[in-house]
C-alpha cells in the first residue's frame, strides 16, 4: 500500500516542483534583480575580476536550470512516471529517479552553456561588424527561420518520435544492473533526444530574452504538446510554417522600410 501511495503521488509532487520553478522565475523577473535573469542584460553587468566572472556564471547556471525545470521537465513527466513505477519497490528508487532527472537536466545545462557561448560570439560579431549593426533584423529573423526549417528535418522527427515513446525508451535502456549508472545514462540519453528535438525552439529564447516568462510559457507549452499529446506530432508542420512566415515578415518589413528611405 505504501508503494502504491508513493506511485500515485509522484506526478503531483513533480507538478508542485515544476510550479515552484515557475513561481521563482516569475518572482525573479518581477524583482529589482530581474536583469540578472536575462542573458543579454547579464552580459552587460559590470562584475569585475574572478569573483565577478564566477558570479555571472553562477547566476546564468541557476537561471537556465530553473528555466529548464519549468519548461522541459513537464515534457518528460511520462518517462519519469514510467521509471518511477518500474523502480517503486526498490529501496533506492528515489535515488534512481533523482539520477534520471540529474542526467536529463545535465544535458540541457550543457546545451545552455553552448548556446550562451554561441550567443556571445554573435553579439561580439555585432559589435565589430558594421553590416550587422545596420541590419540588426538578422538577429530576429535568423532564429525564427532556423527553427522553422528545423521543424521539417528528419532529425526533428526522429528525436520527436523517441520522446513520444517513453515506455519503449525506458525498456531499451534500463538494464537493472549497475543501477545508478544506468539511471543516470537513461536521463542523459533522453535529454540528448530531447535537445535534438527541441534545440531550435529553445534557441528562440535567446532571440526573445531568456528571462521572458511569457515566452517560456508559450514555448514550453508548444514543446509539451508536441511530445506528450496524441495529436502533438501534427503540430510540427503548422508551427514550422508559422515560424517561417514570421521570419519572412521581418525580412519583408525590413526590405519595405529600406525601399522607402
C-alpha atoms as a PDB file:
ATOM      1  CA  UNK A   1       0.000   0.000   0.000  1.00  0.00           C
ATOM      2  CA  UNK A   2       2.858   2.363   0.796  1.00  0.00           C
ATOM      3  CA  UNK A   3       4.437   1.855  -2.627  1.00  0.00           C
ATOM      4  CA  UNK A   4       1.058   2.449  -4.327  1.00  0.00           C
ATOM      5  CA  UNK A   5       0.659   5.720  -2.408  1.00  0.00           C
ATOM      6  CA  UNK A   6       4.151   6.828  -3.418  1.00  0.00           C
ATOM      7  CA  UNK A   7       3.442   5.911  -7.043  1.00  0.00           C
ATOM      8  CA  UNK A   8       0.167   7.843  -7.108  1.00  0.00           C
ATOM      9  CA  UNK A   9       1.786  10.918  -5.518  1.00  0.00           C
ATOM     10  CA  UNK A  10       4.754  11.055  -7.882  1.00  0.00           C
ATOM     11  CA  UNK A  11       3.207  13.151 -10.669  1.00  0.00           C
ATOM     12  CA  UNK A  12       1.525  15.646  -8.249  1.00  0.00           C
ATOM     13  CA  UNK A  13       4.815  16.097  -6.382  1.00  0.00           C
ATOM     14  CA  UNK A  14       6.711  16.667  -9.640  1.00  0.00           C
ATOM     15  CA  UNK A  15       3.968  19.085 -10.683  1.00  0.00           C
ATOM     16  CA  UNK A  16       4.470  21.071  -7.491  1.00  0.00           C
ATOM     17  CA  UNK A  17       8.226  21.231  -8.084  1.00  0.00           C
ATOM     18  CA  UNK A  18       7.657  22.463 -11.626  1.00  0.00           C
ATOM     19  CA  UNK A  19       5.122  25.025 -10.389  1.00  0.00           C
ATOM     20  CA  UNK A  20       7.659  26.185  -7.793  1.00  0.00           C
ATOM     21  CA  UNK A  21      10.238  26.714 -10.548  1.00  0.00           C
ATOM     22  CA  UNK A  22       7.728  28.843 -12.484  1.00  0.00           C
ATOM     23  CA  UNK A  23       6.910  30.838  -9.348  1.00  0.00           C
ATOM     24  CA  UNK A  24      10.582  31.535  -8.638  1.00  0.00           C
ATOM     25  CA  UNK A  25      11.156  32.614 -12.248  1.00  0.00           C
ATOM     26  CA  UNK A  26       8.140  34.935 -12.155  1.00  0.00           C
ATOM     27  CA  UNK A  27       9.232  36.462  -8.840  1.00  0.00           C
ATOM     28  CA  UNK A  28      12.813  36.825 -10.093  1.00  0.00           C
ATOM     29  CA  UNK A  29      11.722  38.540 -13.321  1.00  0.00           C
ATOM     30  CA  UNK A  30       9.418  40.919 -11.417  1.00  0.00           C
ATOM     31  CA  UNK A  31      12.039  41.780  -8.800  1.00  0.00           C
ATOM     32  CA  UNK A  32      14.704  44.518  -8.988  1.00  0.00           C
ATOM     33  CA  UNK A  33      17.140  41.695  -9.772  1.00  0.00           C
ATOM     34  CA  UNK A  34      15.287  40.665 -12.943  1.00  0.00           C
ATOM     35  CA  UNK A  35      18.170  41.811 -15.126  1.00  0.00           C
ATOM     36  CA  UNK A  36      20.262  39.005 -13.636  1.00  0.00           C
ATOM     37  CA  UNK A  37      17.880  36.511 -15.274  1.00  0.00           C
ATOM     38  CA  UNK A  38      18.110  37.926 -18.791  1.00  0.00           C
ATOM     39  CA  UNK A  39      21.237  36.691 -20.557  1.00  0.00           C
ATOM     40  CA  UNK A  40      21.559  39.877 -22.633  1.00  0.00           C
ATOM     41  CA  UNK A  41      21.499  42.213 -19.648  1.00  0.00           C
ATOM     42  CA  UNK A  42      23.589  39.799 -17.575  1.00  0.00           C
ATOM     43  CA  UNK A  43      26.389  40.111 -20.123  1.00  0.00           C
ATOM     44  CA  UNK A  44      26.324  43.915 -19.760  1.00  0.00           C
ATOM     45  CA  UNK A  45      26.527  43.921 -15.956  1.00  0.00           C
ATOM     46  CA  UNK A  46      29.951  45.120 -14.879  1.00  0.00           C
ATOM     47  CA  UNK A  47      31.171  42.456 -12.450  1.00  0.00           C
ATOM     48  CA  UNK A  48      34.946  42.707 -12.454  1.00  0.00           C
ATOM     49  CA  UNK A  49      37.572  40.163 -11.512  1.00  0.00           C
ATOM     50  CA  UNK A  50      37.432  36.426 -10.961  1.00  0.00           C
ATOM     51  CA  UNK A  51      34.658  36.838  -8.390  1.00  0.00           C
ATOM     52  CA  UNK A  52      32.560  38.779 -10.891  1.00  0.00           C
ATOM     53  CA  UNK A  53      33.024  36.156 -13.589  1.00  0.00           C
ATOM     54  CA  UNK A  54      32.094  33.401 -11.141  1.00  0.00           C
ATOM     55  CA  UNK A  55      29.020  35.351 -10.009  1.00  0.00           C
ATOM     56  CA  UNK A  56      27.901  35.822 -13.619  1.00  0.00           C
ATOM     57  CA  UNK A  57      28.418  32.131 -14.356  1.00  0.00           C
ATOM     58  CA  UNK A  58      26.522  31.029 -11.246  1.00  0.00           C
ATOM     59  CA  UNK A  59      23.620  33.371 -11.989  1.00  0.00           C
ATOM     60  CA  UNK A  60      23.401  32.064 -15.552  1.00  0.00           C
ATOM     61  CA  UNK A  61      23.523  28.406 -14.483  1.00  0.00           C
ATOM     62  CA  UNK A  62      20.869  28.937 -11.797  1.00  0.00           C
ATOM     63  CA  UNK A  63      18.590  30.873 -14.147  1.00  0.00           C
ATOM     64  CA  UNK A  64      18.990  28.390 -17.009  1.00  0.00           C
ATOM     65  CA  UNK A  65      18.435  25.386 -14.728  1.00  0.00           C
ATOM     66  CA  UNK A  66      15.255  26.921 -13.314  1.00  0.00           C
ATOM     67  CA  UNK A  67      14.079  27.633 -16.853  1.00  0.00           C
ATOM     68  CA  UNK A  68      14.822  24.040 -17.898  1.00  0.00           C
ATOM     69  CA  UNK A  69      12.963  22.627 -14.902  1.00  0.00           C
ATOM     70  CA  UNK A  70       9.967  24.868 -15.648  1.00  0.00           C
ATOM     71  CA  UNK A  71       9.871  24.365 -19.433  1.00  0.00           C
ATOM     72  CA  UNK A  72      11.372  20.952 -20.172  1.00  0.00           C
ATOM     73  CA  UNK A  73      10.737  18.780 -17.122  1.00  0.00           C
ATOM     74  CA  UNK A  74       6.965  18.780 -17.826  1.00  0.00           C
ATOM     75  CA  UNK A  75       7.679  17.326 -21.285  1.00  0.00           C
ATOM     76  CA  UNK A  76       9.481  14.336 -19.754  1.00  0.00           C
ATOM     77  CA  UNK A  77       6.981  13.555 -16.983  1.00  0.00           C
ATOM     78  CA  UNK A  78       5.619  10.468 -18.829  1.00  0.00           C
ATOM     79  CA  UNK A  79       9.086   8.887 -18.895  1.00  0.00           C
ATOM     80  CA  UNK A  80       9.782   9.780 -15.262  1.00  0.00           C
ATOM     81  CA  UNK A  81       6.431   8.351 -14.208  1.00  0.00           C
ATOM     82  CA  UNK A  82       7.145   5.084 -16.049  1.00  0.00           C
ATOM     83  CA  UNK A  83      10.593   4.823 -14.473  1.00  0.00           C
ATOM     84  CA  UNK A  84       9.167   5.619 -11.050  1.00  0.00           C
ATOM     85  CA  UNK A  85       6.574   2.852 -11.387  1.00  0.00           C
ATOM     86  CA  UNK A  86       9.217   0.416 -12.613  1.00  0.00           C
ATOM     87  CA  UNK A  87      11.538   1.017  -9.638  1.00  0.00           C
ATOM     88  CA  UNK A  88       8.968   1.828  -6.929  1.00  0.00           C
ATOM     89  CA  UNK A  89       9.666  -1.322  -4.886  1.00  0.00           C
ATOM     90  CA  UNK A  90      13.410  -0.786  -4.789  1.00  0.00           C
ATOM     91  CA  UNK A  91      14.782   0.742  -1.563  1.00  0.00           C
ATOM     92  CA  UNK A  92      16.923   3.138  -3.620  1.00  0.00           C
ATOM     93  CA  UNK A  93      14.213   4.116  -6.087  1.00  0.00           C
ATOM     94  CA  UNK A  94      14.152   7.812  -5.091  1.00  0.00           C
ATOM     95  CA  UNK A  95      17.875   7.999  -5.686  1.00  0.00           C
ATOM     96  CA  UNK A  96      17.465   6.327  -9.075  1.00  0.00           C
ATOM     97  CA  UNK A  97      14.705   8.718 -10.143  1.00  0.00           C
ATOM     98  CA  UNK A  98      16.854  11.640  -8.988  1.00  0.00           C
ATOM     99  CA  UNK A  99      19.751  10.369 -11.110  1.00  0.00           C
ATOM    100  CA  UNK A 100      17.494  10.230 -14.177  1.00  0.00           C
ATOM    101  CA  UNK A 101      16.443  13.841 -13.569  1.00  0.00           C
ATOM    102  CA  UNK A 102      20.044  14.953 -12.949  1.00  0.00           C
ATOM    103  CA  UNK A 103      21.212  13.279 -16.166  1.00  0.00           C
ATOM    104  CA  UNK A 104      18.376  14.883 -18.119  1.00  0.00           C
ATOM    105  CA  UNK A 105      18.937  18.385 -16.719  1.00  0.00           C
ATOM    106  CA  UNK A 106      22.705  17.990 -17.123  1.00  0.00           C
ATOM    107  CA  UNK A 107      22.332  17.590 -20.892  1.00  0.00           C
ATOM    108  CA  UNK A 108      20.135  20.679 -21.064  1.00  0.00           C
ATOM    109  CA  UNK A 109      22.656  22.606 -18.967  1.00  0.00           C
ATOM    110  CA  UNK A 110      25.412  21.625 -21.393  1.00  0.00           C
ATOM    111  CA  UNK A 111      23.228  22.823 -24.258  1.00  0.00           C
ATOM    112  CA  UNK A 112      22.551  26.079 -22.401  1.00  0.00           C
ATOM    113  CA  UNK A 113      26.271  26.737 -21.962  1.00  0.00           C
ATOM    114  CA  UNK A 114      26.972  26.034 -25.652  1.00  0.00           C
ATOM    115  CA  UNK A 115      24.028  28.202 -26.720  1.00  0.00           C
ATOM    116  CA  UNK A 116      25.190  31.013 -24.433  1.00  0.00           C
ATOM    117  CA  UNK A 117      28.685  30.887 -25.928  1.00  0.00           C
ATOM    118  CA  UNK A 118      27.232  30.935 -29.457  1.00  0.00           C
ATOM    119  CA  UNK A 119      25.019  33.879 -28.492  1.00  0.00           C
ATOM    120  CA  UNK A 120      28.039  35.695 -27.027  1.00  0.00           C
ATOM    121  CA  UNK A 121      30.014  35.131 -30.252  1.00  0.00           C
ATOM    122  CA  UNK A 122      27.148  36.573 -32.290  1.00  0.00           C
ATOM    123  CA  UNK A 123      26.950  39.641 -30.062  1.00  0.00           C
ATOM    124  CA  UNK A 124      30.715  40.123 -30.314  1.00  0.00           C
ATOM    125  CA  UNK A 125      30.392  39.927 -34.097  1.00  0.00           C
ATOM    126  CA  UNK A 126      27.630  42.540 -33.902  1.00  0.00           C
ATOM    127  CA  UNK A 127      29.960  44.903 -32.043  1.00  0.00           C
ATOM    128  CA  UNK A 128      32.676  44.623 -34.696  1.00  0.00           C
ATOM    129  CA  UNK A 129      30.818  44.168 -37.985  1.00  0.00           C
ATOM    130  CA  UNK A 130      29.149  47.298 -39.302  1.00  0.00           C
ATOM    131  CA  UNK A 131      26.848  45.369 -41.661  1.00  0.00           C
ATOM    132  CA  UNK A 132      25.302  43.532 -38.725  1.00  0.00           C
ATOM    133  CA  UNK A 133      24.833  46.808 -36.855  1.00  0.00           C
ATOM    134  CA  UNK A 134      22.994  48.203 -39.864  1.00  0.00           C
ATOM    135  CA  UNK A 135      20.944  45.019 -40.251  1.00  0.00           C
ATOM    136  CA  UNK A 136      20.063  44.052 -36.685  1.00  0.00           C
ATOM    137  CA  UNK A 137      16.861  42.456 -38.025  1.00  0.00           C
ATOM    138  CA  UNK A 138      19.006  39.412 -38.875  1.00  0.00           C
ATOM    139  CA  UNK A 139      19.113  38.521 -35.166  1.00  0.00           C
ATOM    140  CA  UNK A 140      15.314  38.390 -35.130  1.00  0.00           C
ATOM    141  CA  UNK A 141      14.632  36.693 -38.454  1.00  0.00           C
ATOM    142  CA  UNK A 142      17.561  34.257 -38.304  1.00  0.00           C
ATOM    143  CA  UNK A 143      16.481  32.180 -35.264  1.00  0.00           C
ATOM    144  CA  UNK A 144      12.870  32.129 -36.485  1.00  0.00           C
ATOM    145  CA  UNK A 145      13.826  30.856 -39.946  1.00  0.00           C
ATOM    146  CA  UNK A 146      16.246  28.323 -38.461  1.00  0.00           C
ATOM    147  CA  UNK A 147      13.609  26.984 -36.085  1.00  0.00           C
ATOM    148  CA  UNK A 148      11.019  26.913 -38.869  1.00  0.00           C
ATOM    149  CA  UNK A 149      13.217  24.917 -41.246  1.00  0.00           C
ATOM    150  CA  UNK A 150      14.257  22.517 -38.474  1.00  0.00           C
ATOM    151  CA  UNK A 151      10.609  21.556 -37.901  1.00  0.00           C
ATOM    152  CA  UNK A 152      10.684  19.698 -41.245  1.00  0.00           C
ATOM    153  CA  UNK A 153      14.017  17.891 -40.881  1.00  0.00           C
ATOM    154  CA  UNK A 154      14.444  14.108 -40.378  1.00  0.00           C
ATOM    155  CA  UNK A 155      16.433  14.771 -37.177  1.00  0.00           C
ATOM    156  CA  UNK A 156      13.472  16.621 -35.683  1.00  0.00           C
ATOM    157  CA  UNK A 157      11.058  13.799 -36.458  1.00  0.00           C
ATOM    158  CA  UNK A 158      13.407  11.033 -35.329  1.00  0.00           C
ATOM    159  CA  UNK A 159      14.112  12.687 -31.982  1.00  0.00           C
ATOM    160  CA  UNK A 160      10.443  13.610 -31.531  1.00  0.00           C
ATOM    161  CA  UNK A 161       9.415  10.000 -32.096  1.00  0.00           C
ATOM    162  CA  UNK A 162      11.860   8.835 -29.419  1.00  0.00           C
ATOM    163  CA  UNK A 163      10.455  11.394 -26.991  1.00  0.00           C
ATOM    164  CA  UNK A 164       6.877  10.337 -27.785  1.00  0.00           C
ATOM    165  CA  UNK A 165       7.517   6.666 -26.904  1.00  0.00           C
ATOM    166  CA  UNK A 166       8.789   6.836 -23.302  1.00  0.00           C
ATOM    167  CA  UNK A 167       7.847   3.234 -22.408  1.00  0.00           C
ATOM    168  CA  UNK A 168       9.953   1.646 -25.149  1.00  0.00           C
ATOM    169  CA  UNK A 169      12.693   4.180 -24.439  1.00  0.00           C
ATOM    170  CA  UNK A 170      12.917   3.039 -20.809  1.00  0.00           C
ATOM    171  CA  UNK A 171      12.646  -0.663 -21.682  1.00  0.00           C
ATOM    172  CA  UNK A 172      15.500  -0.402 -24.191  1.00  0.00           C
ATOM    173  CA  UNK A 173      17.853   1.359 -21.783  1.00  0.00           C
ATOM    174  CA  UNK A 174      17.052   0.193 -18.256  1.00  0.00           C
ATOM    175  CA  UNK A 175      19.183  -2.872 -17.570  1.00  0.00           C
ATOM    176  CA  UNK A 176      18.501  -3.395 -13.866  1.00  0.00           C
ATOM    177  CA  UNK A 177      22.233  -3.830 -13.246  1.00  0.00           C
ATOM    178  CA  UNK A 178      24.701  -1.082 -12.323  1.00  0.00           C
ATOM    179  CA  UNK A 179      21.519   0.704 -11.387  1.00  0.00           C
ATOM    180  CA  UNK A 180      22.882   4.147 -10.584  1.00  0.00           C
ATOM    181  CA  UNK A 181      24.971   4.349 -13.738  1.00  0.00           C
ATOM    182  CA  UNK A 182      22.139   3.163 -15.968  1.00  0.00           C
ATOM    183  CA  UNK A 183      19.639   5.502 -14.299  1.00  0.00           C
ATOM    184  CA  UNK A 184      21.920   8.470 -14.898  1.00  0.00           C
ATOM    185  CA  UNK A 185      22.602   7.394 -18.500  1.00  0.00           C
ATOM    186  CA  UNK A 186      18.880   6.937 -19.095  1.00  0.00           C
ATOM    187  CA  UNK A 187      18.415  10.595 -18.179  1.00  0.00           C
ATOM    188  CA  UNK A 188      21.375  11.613 -20.348  1.00  0.00           C
ATOM    189  CA  UNK A 189      20.117   9.689 -23.380  1.00  0.00           C
ATOM    190  CA  UNK A 190      16.602  11.044 -23.004  1.00  0.00           C
ATOM    191  CA  UNK A 191      17.990  14.557 -22.565  1.00  0.00           C
ATOM    192  CA  UNK A 192      20.061  14.153 -25.747  1.00  0.00           C
ATOM    193  CA  UNK A 193      16.998  13.181 -27.805  1.00  0.00           C
ATOM    194  CA  UNK A 194      15.014  15.968 -26.157  1.00  0.00           C
ATOM    195  CA  UNK A 195      17.686  18.517 -27.082  1.00  0.00           C
ATOM    196  CA  UNK A 196      17.767  17.052 -30.590  1.00  0.00           C
ATOM    197  CA  UNK A 197      14.010  17.565 -30.826  1.00  0.00           C
ATOM    198  CA  UNK A 198      13.692  20.998 -29.219  1.00  0.00           C
ATOM    199  CA  UNK A 199      17.040  22.821 -29.513  1.00  0.00           C
ATOM    200  CA  UNK A 200      15.891  25.193 -32.271  1.00  0.00           C
ATOM    201  CA  UNK A 201      12.775  26.207 -30.329  1.00  0.00           C
ATOM    202  CA  UNK A 202      14.823  26.690 -27.158  1.00  0.00           C
ATOM    203  CA  UNK A 203      17.325  28.804 -29.082  1.00  0.00           C
ATOM    204  CA  UNK A 204      14.459  31.205 -29.768  1.00  0.00           C
ATOM    205  CA  UNK A 205      14.734  32.119 -26.081  1.00  0.00           C
ATOM    206  CA  UNK A 206      17.969  33.916 -26.914  1.00  0.00           C
ATOM    207  CA  UNK A 207      16.122  35.962 -29.540  1.00  0.00           C
ATOM    208  CA  UNK A 208      13.236  36.971 -27.251  1.00  0.00           C
ATOM    209  CA  UNK A 209      15.251  37.074 -23.998  1.00  0.00           C
ATOM    210  CA  UNK A 210      15.917  34.123 -21.715  1.00  0.00           C
ATOM    211  CA  UNK A 211      14.279  35.901 -18.803  1.00  0.00           C
ATOM    212  CA  UNK A 212      10.923  36.401 -20.515  1.00  0.00           C
ATOM    213  CA  UNK A 213       8.479  34.232 -18.539  1.00  0.00           C
ATOM    214  CA  UNK A 214       5.689  34.784 -21.076  1.00  0.00           C
ATOM    215  CA  UNK A 215       7.734  33.306 -23.910  1.00  0.00           C
ATOM    216  CA  UNK A 216       8.868  30.480 -21.622  1.00  0.00           C
ATOM    217  CA  UNK A 217       5.212  29.560 -21.055  1.00  0.00           C
ATOM    218  CA  UNK A 218       4.384  29.640 -24.767  1.00  0.00           C
ATOM    219  CA  UNK A 219       7.410  27.645 -25.934  1.00  0.00           C
ATOM    220  CA  UNK A 220       7.168  25.220 -23.009  1.00  0.00           C
ATOM    221  CA  UNK A 221       3.502  24.554 -23.825  1.00  0.00           C
ATOM    222  CA  UNK A 222       4.298  24.011 -27.516  1.00  0.00           C
ATOM    223  CA  UNK A 223       7.055  21.503 -26.746  1.00  0.00           C
ATOM    224  CA  UNK A 224       4.917  19.678 -24.179  1.00  0.00           C
ATOM    225  CA  UNK A 225       2.080  19.350 -26.721  1.00  0.00           C
ATOM    226  CA  UNK A 226       4.444  18.092 -29.422  1.00  0.00           C
ATOM    227  CA  UNK A 227       5.936  15.434 -27.156  1.00  0.00           C
ATOM    228  CA  UNK A 228       3.040  14.317 -24.963  1.00  0.00           C
ATOM    229  CA  UNK A 229      -0.354  14.720 -26.614  1.00  0.00           C
ATOM    230  CA  UNK A 230      -1.648  12.128 -29.128  1.00  0.00           C
ATOM    231  CA  UNK A 231      -2.073  14.770 -31.838  1.00  0.00           C
ATOM    232  CA  UNK A 232       1.135  16.587 -30.900  1.00  0.00           C
ATOM    233  CA  UNK A 233       3.166  15.395 -33.870  1.00  0.00           C
ATOM    234  CA  UNK A 234       0.682  17.124 -36.181  1.00  0.00           C
ATOM    235  CA  UNK A 235       1.670  20.455 -34.642  1.00  0.00           C
ATOM    236  CA  UNK A 236       5.217  20.345 -36.060  1.00  0.00           C
ATOM    237  CA  UNK A 237       4.403  21.334 -39.641  1.00  0.00           C
ATOM    238  CA  UNK A 238       1.976  24.205 -38.863  1.00  0.00           C
ATOM    239  CA  UNK A 239       4.432  25.511 -36.280  1.00  0.00           C
ATOM    240  CA  UNK A 240       7.240  25.344 -38.832  1.00  0.00           C
ATOM    241  CA  UNK A 241       5.184  27.273 -41.395  1.00  0.00           C
ATOM    242  CA  UNK A 242       4.250  29.877 -38.749  1.00  0.00           C
ATOM    243  CA  UNK A 243       7.880  30.416 -37.767  1.00  0.00           C
ATOM    244  CA  UNK A 244       8.964  30.701 -41.419  1.00  0.00           C
ATOM    245  CA  UNK A 245       6.163  33.180 -42.059  1.00  0.00           C
ATOM    246  CA  UNK A 246       7.142  35.230 -39.013  1.00  0.00           C
ATOM    247  CA  UNK A 247      10.790  35.324 -40.065  1.00  0.00           C
ATOM    248  CA  UNK A 248       9.773  36.128 -43.652  1.00  0.00           C
ATOM    249  CA  UNK A 249       7.597  39.025 -42.492  1.00  0.00           C
ATOM    250  CA  UNK A 250      10.571  40.500 -40.627  1.00  0.00           C
ATOM    251  CA  UNK A 251      12.623  40.341 -43.841  1.00  0.00           C
ATOM    252  CA  UNK A 252       9.788  41.839 -45.917  1.00  0.00           C
ATOM    253  CA  UNK A 253       9.283  44.618 -43.378  1.00  0.00           C
ATOM    254  CA  UNK A 254      12.992  45.417 -43.454  1.00  0.00           C
ATOM    255  CA  UNK A 255      13.054  45.404 -47.268  1.00  0.00           C
ATOM    256  CA  UNK A 256       9.986  47.659 -47.414  1.00  0.00           C
ATOM    257  CA  UNK A 257      11.496  50.081 -44.882  1.00  0.00           C
ATOM    258  CA  UNK A 258      14.757  50.162 -46.831  1.00  0.00           C
ATOM    259  CA  UNK A 259      12.997  50.881 -50.127  1.00  0.00           C
ATOM    260  CA  UNK A 260      11.016  53.760 -48.642  1.00  0.00           C
ATOM    261  CA  UNK A 261      14.148  55.537 -47.420  1.00  0.00           C
END
